[in-house]
């Protein structure tokens, strides 16, 4: 069972309605607003913890050092590096230099399942 164990968080204004994106990977726009990160080409900010419903509402984001739950886009093994996929869901990666949000602390059996992640944003395979 995925649980939230430790949270280091920041809050920034949401770009829009993120109420369907709780426990998904988010990033920051050039305007300083939080949006769902739906791909591997953008640096991650962290994992969205709340459900802001409109532009400008506070989006609470778990950042590096947090141990929180997130939504899987496919099966993920424990200890896998996790990257953003469609809808900001997490997917295991072994692709060099791909942006990651952290490492899986528990496994996910498939799409839509919650699993635990240690948030440590960076790139796979870089020091």
Protein backbone atom coordinates (compact mmCIF):
# COMPACT_ATOMS: atom_id res chain seq x y z
CA UNK A 1 0.00 0.00 0.00
CA UNK A 2 1.40 3.38 -1.01
CA UNK A 3 1.52 6.00 1.72
CA UNK A 4 2.96 9.45 2.22
CA UNK A 5 5.80 9.18 4.72
CA UNK A 6 7.76 12.44 4.54
CA UNK A 7 6.92 15.69 2.82
CA UNK A 8 9.09 18.66 1.93
CA UNK A 9 6.82 20.91 -0.09
CA UNK A 10 6.50 24.26 -1.82
CA UNK A 11 3.43 26.04 -3.17
CA UNK A 12 3.14 27.94 -6.44
CA UNK A 13 0.09 29.14 -8.39
CA UNK A 14 -1.56 26.55 -10.62
CA UNK A 15 -1.72 27.20 -14.38
CA UNK A 16 -5.31 25.90 -14.44
CA UNK A 17 -7.57 23.19 -13.04
CA UNK A 18 -5.29 20.45 -11.66
CA UNK A 19 -7.97 18.71 -9.60
CA UNK A 20 -7.59 15.49 -11.62
CA UNK A 21 -3.78 15.50 -11.27
CA UNK A 22 -3.18 14.84 -7.58
CA UNK A 23 -0.14 12.53 -7.15
CA UNK A 24 1.13 13.30 -10.68
CA UNK A 25 4.46 14.76 -11.84
CA UNK A 26 4.43 18.53 -12.34
CA UNK A 27 6.79 21.17 -13.71
CA UNK A 28 7.02 24.95 -13.74
CA UNK A 29 6.06 27.24 -16.65
CA UNK A 30 8.17 30.25 -17.63
CA UNK A 31 5.54 32.37 -15.85
CA UNK A 32 6.13 30.54 -12.55
CA UNK A 33 2.95 28.43 -12.58
CA UNK A 34 2.58 24.71 -11.94
CA UNK A 35 1.43 22.42 -14.78
CA UNK A 36 1.32 18.67 -15.32
CA UNK A 37 4.52 17.39 -16.94
CA UNK A 38 3.37 15.07 -19.69
CA UNK A 39 6.72 14.18 -21.20
CA UNK A 40 10.41 13.54 -20.76
CA UNK A 41 11.79 16.74 -22.30
CA UNK A 42 10.97 19.10 -19.40
CA UNK A 43 12.61 19.23 -15.98
CA UNK A 44 10.36 18.07 -13.14
CA UNK A 45 9.48 20.16 -10.10
CA UNK A 46 7.99 17.30 -8.04
CA UNK A 47 4.69 15.54 -7.25
CA UNK A 48 1.40 17.44 -6.90
CA UNK A 49 -0.11 16.85 -3.43
CA UNK A 50 -3.40 18.74 -3.57
CA UNK A 51 -6.21 19.44 -6.05
CA UNK A 52 -6.25 23.10 -7.13
CA UNK A 53 -9.37 23.76 -9.20
CA UNK A 54 -8.55 27.06 -10.91
CA UNK A 55 -5.74 29.22 -12.26
CA UNK A 56 -3.88 30.98 -9.46
CA UNK A 57 -4.87 28.59 -6.67
CA UNK A 58 -1.98 27.22 -4.62
CA UNK A 59 -0.52 23.99 -5.98
CA UNK A 60 1.32 22.15 -3.19
CA UNK A 61 4.25 20.20 -4.60
CA UNK A 62 6.42 17.56 -2.89
CA UNK A 63 10.06 18.31 -3.73
CA UNK A 64 13.42 16.56 -3.28
CA UNK A 65 13.66 14.53 -0.09
CA UNK A 66 9.95 13.73 0.09
CA UNK A 67 8.57 10.18 0.22
CA UNK A 68 5.08 10.35 -1.29
CA UNK A 69 2.66 8.36 -3.40
CA UNK A 70 2.19 8.89 -7.11
CA UNK A 71 0.24 7.38 -10.01
CA UNK A 72 1.86 4.85 -12.35
CA UNK A 73 1.40 4.86 -16.13
CA UNK A 74 2.49 1.20 -16.34
CA UNK A 75 3.99 -1.53 -14.15
CA UNK A 76 7.00 -0.27 -12.19
CA UNK A 77 9.50 -2.31 -10.22
CA UNK A 78 10.74 -1.27 -6.80
CA UNK A 79 13.94 0.83 -7.02
CA UNK A 80 13.30 1.87 -10.65
CA UNK A 81 14.03 5.43 -11.74
CA UNK A 82 10.74 7.21 -12.54
CA UNK A 83 10.07 9.64 -15.41
CA UNK A 84 6.97 11.56 -16.52
CA UNK A 85 4.63 10.16 -19.15
CA UNK A 86 1.24 11.24 -20.50
CA UNK A 87 -0.95 12.95 -17.84
CA UNK A 88 2.07 13.26 -15.51
CA UNK A 89 1.90 9.62 -14.47
CA UNK A 90 5.16 7.87 -13.58
CA UNK A 91 6.94 5.32 -15.73
CA UNK A 92 10.19 3.40 -15.19
CA UNK A 93 13.13 4.63 -17.26
CA UNK A 94 16.65 3.52 -18.14
CA UNK A 95 17.13 6.11 -20.90
CA UNK A 96 20.33 8.08 -20.45
CA UNK A 97 19.88 11.79 -19.70
CA UNK A 98 16.07 11.52 -19.38
CA UNK A 99 14.49 13.78 -16.72
CA UNK A 100 13.42 11.80 -13.67
CA UNK A 101 11.36 12.64 -10.59
CA UNK A 102 12.98 10.05 -8.31
CA UNK A 103 13.06 6.33 -7.47
CA UNK A 104 10.24 3.92 -6.77
CA UNK A 105 10.23 2.68 -3.17
CA UNK A 106 7.40 0.25 -3.89
CA UNK A 107 6.20 -1.52 -7.01
CA UNK A 108 3.13 -0.72 -9.12
CA UNK A 109 1.33 -3.57 -10.87
CA UNK A 110 -0.01 -1.41 -13.69
CA UNK A 111 -1.66 1.74 -15.02
CA UNK A 112 -3.38 3.97 -12.47
CA UNK A 113 -1.93 2.20 -9.44
CA UNK A 114 -0.43 4.24 -6.60
CA UNK A 115 3.15 3.55 -5.55
CA UNK A 116 5.71 5.25 -3.30
CA UNK A 117 8.48 7.39 -4.71
CA UNK A 118 11.49 9.11 -3.16
CA UNK A 119 11.47 12.50 -4.87
CA UNK A 120 14.91 13.37 -6.22
CA UNK A 121 14.49 15.32 -9.46
CA UNK A 122 17.35 15.04 -11.94
CA UNK A 123 18.40 13.12 -15.03
CA UNK A 124 18.94 9.39 -15.38
CA UNK A 125 22.54 8.26 -15.64
CA UNK A 126 24.17 11.59 -14.75
CA UNK A 127 26.20 12.37 -11.67
